[in-house]
Protein backbone atom coordinates (compact mmCIF):
# COMPACT_ATOMS: atom_id res chain seq x y z
CA MET A 1 -12.85 -53.23 -98.76
CA SER A 2 -9.66 -51.94 -100.54
CA ASP A 3 -9.09 -52.45 -104.35
CA PHE A 4 -6.55 -54.83 -103.45
CA GLY A 5 -8.82 -57.33 -101.47
CA GLN A 6 -9.11 -58.24 -97.93
CA LYS A 7 -6.13 -57.85 -95.86
CA ARG A 8 -4.44 -61.10 -94.57
CA PRO A 9 -4.27 -61.59 -91.05
CA VAL A 10 -0.76 -60.68 -89.38
CA SER A 11 0.66 -62.82 -86.85
CA GLU A 12 1.29 -60.94 -83.55
CA SER A 13 4.81 -62.72 -83.31
CA VAL A 14 5.75 -60.43 -86.48
CA ASN A 15 5.93 -57.37 -84.42
CA GLU A 16 7.60 -58.70 -81.75
CA GLU A 17 11.39 -58.80 -81.22
CA PRO A 18 13.14 -62.00 -81.01
CA LYS A 19 13.97 -62.65 -77.34
CA ASP A 20 17.47 -63.62 -78.02
CA THR A 21 18.38 -60.82 -80.14
CA VAL A 22 20.27 -57.86 -78.44
CA ARG A 23 19.41 -54.31 -79.94
CA ALA A 24 22.48 -52.80 -81.14
CA LYS A 25 23.06 -49.35 -79.30
CA ARG A 26 23.32 -46.17 -81.01
CA GLY A 27 26.34 -44.20 -81.40
CA ARG A 28 29.85 -44.75 -82.95
CA PRO A 29 31.31 -48.25 -82.05
CA LYS A 30 34.48 -48.22 -80.18
CA LYS A 31 37.80 -48.56 -82.37
CA LYS A 32 39.60 -50.75 -79.60
CA PRO A 33 37.07 -52.33 -77.26
CA GLY A 34 38.39 -52.38 -73.69
CA TYR A 35 40.90 -49.57 -74.45
CA ASP A 36 41.95 -47.52 -71.39
CA ARG A 37 43.35 -44.22 -72.24
CA ASP A 38 44.33 -43.29 -68.71
CA LYS A 39 45.88 -46.78 -68.19
CA VAL A 40 47.82 -46.52 -71.37
CA MET A 41 48.95 -42.92 -70.43
CA ASP A 42 50.14 -44.15 -67.01
CA ASN A 43 51.91 -46.98 -68.15
CA MET A 44 53.87 -44.71 -70.57
CA LEU A 45 54.49 -42.12 -67.69
CA GLN A 46 56.14 -45.18 -65.85
CA GLU A 47 58.54 -46.32 -68.72
CA ALA A 48 59.58 -42.94 -69.61
CA ILE A 49 60.40 -42.20 -65.90
CA LYS A 50 62.30 -45.50 -65.50
CA LEU A 51 64.22 -45.07 -68.95
CA PHE A 52 65.01 -41.23 -68.04
CA LYS A 53 66.27 -42.21 -64.74
CA GLU A 54 67.31 -38.68 -63.37
CA PRO A 55 65.23 -35.57 -63.76
CA TYR A 56 66.47 -32.72 -66.00
CA ASP A 57 66.52 -29.23 -64.75
CA ASP A 58 68.97 -26.98 -66.60
CA ARG A 59 69.51 -25.11 -63.04
CA GLN A 60 71.09 -28.24 -61.66
CA ASN A 61 73.92 -30.58 -62.67
CA ARG A 62 72.71 -33.97 -64.05
CA SER A 63 75.11 -36.85 -64.46
CA PRO A 64 76.95 -36.83 -68.07
CA ASP A 65 76.18 -40.62 -68.68
CA ALA A 66 72.13 -40.27 -67.77
CA PRO A 67 69.85 -41.02 -70.73
CA THR A 68 68.55 -38.06 -73.20
CA LEU A 69 65.42 -37.45 -74.68
CA VAL A 70 66.41 -39.23 -77.75
CA ASP A 71 67.52 -42.20 -75.85
CA VAL A 72 64.18 -42.74 -74.36
CA ALA A 73 62.24 -41.75 -77.63
CA GLU A 74 64.20 -44.62 -79.39
CA ALA A 75 63.57 -47.15 -76.61
CA MET A 76 59.87 -46.17 -76.55
CA GLN A 77 59.66 -46.07 -80.48
CA THR A 78 58.10 -42.69 -80.20
CA THR A 79 59.14 -39.09 -80.96
CA THR A 80 61.28 -36.91 -78.78
CA LEU A 81 58.30 -34.29 -78.65
CA LYS A 82 56.07 -36.82 -77.05
CA VAL A 83 58.71 -37.96 -74.73
CA ARG A 84 59.19 -34.38 -73.46
CA LYS A 85 55.53 -33.82 -73.02
CA ILE A 86 55.35 -36.97 -70.96
CA LEU A 87 58.31 -35.79 -68.77
CA VAL A 88 57.05 -32.42 -68.57
CA THR A 89 53.67 -34.07 -67.00
CA VAL A 90 55.33 -35.67 -64.19
CA GLY A 91 57.72 -32.92 -63.38
CA TYR A 92 60.86 -34.68 -64.74
CA TYR A 93 61.84 -32.04 -67.32
CA SER A 94 62.40 -28.34 -66.85
CA THR A 95 64.21 -25.66 -68.82
CA GLU A 96 63.98 -21.90 -69.00
CA THR A 97 61.68 -22.28 -72.01
CA SER A 98 59.20 -24.77 -70.46
CA ARG A 99 58.92 -22.79 -67.30
CA LYS A 100 58.32 -19.43 -69.58
CA VAL A 101 55.57 -21.62 -71.39
CA GLN A 102 53.96 -22.92 -68.41
CA GLU A 103 54.04 -19.45 -66.69
CA LEU A 104 52.18 -17.82 -69.52
CA TYR A 105 49.58 -20.74 -69.98
CA ASN A 106 48.74 -20.28 -66.17
CA SER A 107 48.38 -16.72 -66.62
CA GLY A 108 45.64 -17.14 -69.16
CA TYR A 109 47.48 -17.00 -72.33
CA SER A 110 46.15 -19.13 -75.12
CA VAL A 111 48.50 -21.42 -77.12
CA PRO A 112 48.39 -18.96 -80.20
CA GLU A 113 49.36 -16.06 -77.92
CA ILE A 114 52.23 -17.89 -76.42
CA MET A 115 53.43 -18.96 -79.90
CA LYS A 116 53.56 -15.06 -80.56
CA GLU A 117 55.19 -14.30 -77.18
CA THR A 118 57.93 -16.89 -77.62
CA GLY A 119 58.22 -17.48 -81.43
CA LEU A 120 57.74 -21.38 -80.76
CA SER A 121 55.82 -23.41 -83.00
CA LYS A 122 52.24 -24.94 -81.80
CA ALA A 123 53.92 -28.41 -81.67
CA SER A 124 56.80 -27.16 -79.49
CA VAL A 125 54.29 -24.99 -77.21
CA ASN A 126 52.11 -28.12 -76.68
CA THR A 127 54.93 -30.30 -75.75
CA TYR A 128 56.13 -27.77 -72.81
CA LEU A 129 52.59 -28.19 -71.30
CA PRO A 130 51.63 -31.12 -69.49
CA TYR A 131 48.82 -33.67 -70.27
CA SER A 132 45.56 -32.60 -69.08
CA LYS A 133 44.27 -36.29 -68.70
CA GLY A 134 46.16 -39.43 -67.33
CA ALA A 135 48.91 -39.42 -64.78
CA TYR A 136 46.27 -39.55 -62.15
CA LYS A 137 45.86 -43.13 -61.25
CA LEU A 138 49.59 -43.93 -60.38
CA GLU A 139 49.71 -46.00 -57.35
CA GLU A 140 50.88 -43.76 -53.98
CA PRO A 141 53.39 -42.93 -53.51
CA THR A 142 53.75 -42.26 -57.07
CA LEU A 143 56.75 -43.69 -59.07
CA TYR A 144 57.92 -40.46 -60.21
CA ALA A 145 57.99 -39.09 -56.54
CA GLU A 146 59.84 -42.07 -55.60
CA GLN A 147 62.32 -41.57 -58.34
CA LYS A 148 62.82 -38.23 -57.38
CA ARG A 149 63.40 -38.81 -53.72
CA LEU A 150 65.86 -41.50 -54.95
CA TYR A 151 67.61 -38.98 -57.22
CA ARG A 152 68.00 -36.77 -54.36
CA LYS A 153 69.47 -39.30 -52.06
CA ARG A 154 72.14 -40.24 -54.72
CA GLU A 155 73.12 -36.72 -55.41
CA THR A 156 73.33 -36.15 -51.58
CA ALA A 157 75.71 -39.18 -51.22
CA CYS A 158 77.89 -38.01 -54.15
CA ARG A 159 78.11 -34.51 -52.60
CA MET A 160 79.07 -35.79 -49.29
CA LEU A 161 81.67 -38.07 -50.78
CA HIS A 162 83.21 -35.16 -53.00
CA ASP A 163 83.29 -32.92 -49.89
CA HIS A 164 85.04 -35.74 -47.77
CA LEU A 165 87.09 -37.27 -50.38
CA ASP A 166 90.30 -36.58 -48.72
CA SER A 167 89.28 -37.06 -44.95
CA GLU A 168 89.77 -40.10 -42.78
CA ASP A 169 86.02 -40.90 -43.09
CA ALA A 170 86.34 -41.13 -46.72
CA GLU A 171 85.76 -44.73 -47.07
CA GLU A 172 82.70 -44.36 -45.11
CA TYR A 173 81.25 -41.95 -47.25
CA LEU A 174 82.34 -43.93 -50.33
CA TRP A 175 80.41 -47.06 -49.02
CA GLU A 176 77.14 -44.98 -48.56
CA ALA A 177 77.45 -43.50 -51.79
CA ILE A 178 77.95 -47.31 -53.20
CA ILE A 179 74.70 -48.47 -51.29
CA ALA A 180 72.61 -45.39 -52.64
CA PHE A 181 73.31 -46.39 -56.25
CA GLU A 182 72.26 -49.94 -55.73
CA GLY A 183 69.89 -50.79 -58.46
CA TYR A 184 71.23 -48.00 -60.83
CA ALA A 185 71.71 -48.99 -64.52
CA PHE A 186 75.53 -48.59 -65.30
CA LEU A 187 77.39 -49.21 -68.59
CA THR A 188 80.92 -50.90 -68.83
CA GLU A 189 83.34 -49.37 -71.17
CA LYS A 190 82.24 -51.96 -73.79
CA GLY A 191 78.59 -50.94 -73.56
CA LEU A 192 77.25 -53.77 -71.35
CA SER A 193 74.47 -52.72 -69.07
CA PHE A 194 74.70 -53.94 -65.43
CA LYS A 195 73.26 -53.26 -61.92
CA TYR A 196 74.34 -54.26 -58.53
CA LYS A 197 73.10 -55.39 -55.08
CA VAL A 198 74.97 -54.76 -51.65
CA LYS A 199 74.84 -57.48 -49.13
CA GLY A 200 76.76 -56.94 -46.10
CA GLY A 201 80.41 -56.20 -47.01
CA GLU A 202 79.95 -57.59 -50.54
CA VAL A 203 78.70 -56.18 -53.90
CA PHE A 204 76.96 -58.57 -56.34
CA PHE A 205 77.17 -57.56 -59.85
CA SER A 206 74.34 -58.48 -62.21
CA ARG A 207 76.89 -59.77 -64.72
CA LYS A 208 79.45 -61.23 -62.58
CA ALA A 209 79.14 -64.68 -60.95
CA LYS A 210 81.42 -63.90 -57.97
CA SER A 211 80.89 -61.09 -55.70
CA VAL A 212 83.42 -58.00 -55.19
CA THR A 213 84.53 -57.71 -51.44
CA LYS A 214 84.24 -54.29 -49.81
CA ALA A 215 87.87 -54.59 -49.33
CA SER A 216 88.41 -54.75 -53.06
CA VAL A 217 86.12 -51.78 -53.47
CA MET A 218 88.45 -49.76 -51.25
CA LYS A 219 91.67 -50.92 -52.71
CA ALA A 220 90.24 -49.73 -56.23
CA PHE A 221 89.02 -46.62 -54.50
CA HIS A 222 92.43 -45.60 -53.21
CA LYS A 223 94.04 -46.43 -56.38
CA ALA A 224 91.58 -44.27 -58.35
CA LYS A 225 91.88 -41.31 -55.78
CA GLN A 226 95.94 -41.55 -56.49
CA LEU A 227 95.75 -41.58 -60.36
CA GLN A 228 93.32 -38.69 -60.15
CA LYS A 229 95.53 -36.76 -58.13
CA ILE A 230 98.69 -37.38 -60.01
CA GLU A 231 97.54 -37.83 -63.69
CA GLY A 232 94.27 -35.76 -63.61
CA CYS A 233 92.12 -38.72 -64.64
CA VAL A 234 91.70 -42.37 -64.83
CA SER A 235 91.48 -43.50 -68.46
CA GLY A 236 90.29 -47.14 -67.90
CA PRO A 237 89.46 -49.93 -65.54
CA LYS A 238 92.64 -51.73 -65.95
CA LEU A 239 94.48 -49.07 -64.11
CA LEU A 240 92.52 -50.09 -61.01
CA GLY A 241 94.42 -53.28 -60.76
CA THR A 242 91.71 -54.95 -58.74
CA PHE A 243 89.19 -57.79 -59.08
CA GLY A 244 85.80 -56.67 -60.54
CA ALA A 245 87.56 -53.43 -62.09
CA SER A 246 85.16 -53.41 -65.08
CA TYR A 247 82.26 -52.66 -62.93
CA LEU A 248 83.75 -50.45 -60.34
CA TYR A 249 85.40 -48.06 -62.85
CA PRO A 250 81.94 -46.74 -64.18
CA VAL A 251 80.65 -46.60 -60.82
CA PHE A 252 83.43 -44.61 -59.54
CA LEU A 253 83.02 -42.19 -62.66
CA ARG A 254 79.28 -41.74 -61.77
CA ILE A 255 79.78 -40.86 -58.19
CA GLY A 256 82.62 -38.55 -58.76
CA VAL A 257 85.56 -40.43 -57.60
CA CYS A 258 87.62 -40.05 -60.89
CA LYS A 259 87.35 -38.68 -64.31
CA ARG A 260 87.91 -40.50 -67.55
CA ILE A 261 89.52 -37.58 -69.32
CA CYS A 262 91.96 -35.47 -68.23
CA ASP A 263 91.74 -31.65 -67.68
CA ASP A 264 93.94 -29.70 -70.17
């Protein structure tokens, strides 16, 4: 017997865990339950691709009205450095510097070694390297692959139109270019965004109730060609003198029918 007297009997149920109690798992709890990093990354990649529209490669021409890194960063409410890294990841951004950084990295150089070799900061080096995770769950065919194919298709249509601009088949090549840019986001001279669809011999603009016929498109086309040849530019949509000119004008600028500013 102990100095404190006889021990009181202890109920067996005291040592048992309540059946309706779930033991907490060890480890740090998730800050955001249900957070899927890969899914978030894929969504960011898709959004950046849609906003950037056309790949950038300093060895190739890109349309002058195509969105910049700053434009995409503002739309996504993030930094230009992050946007650049995203576009590098999907192969949508290539410069002499990015190619050099990636070449060194693939050759076994560490980030500090690349910094010393190029003179770039650590942050800059990292933005020229693709993300190591994410971008692997995009549906097949991947969105950026589709966008690249569409970009090449549109550039081919522009080139063919340019090569045949003064030929007897010019109207045919123009219409093919018009079809190729279906769904492309244009801006009017007042800064209003619009797209269009082509159905048969009509063009339906998203901001216009009535369609523009193929005949009206061709009338504006020949007027634009004439002004471009005589004046060296077409300074505004009113000069086209046809129905739907406000929408046809930015399309003509993009596909290379005319220029807004005359050459000196």
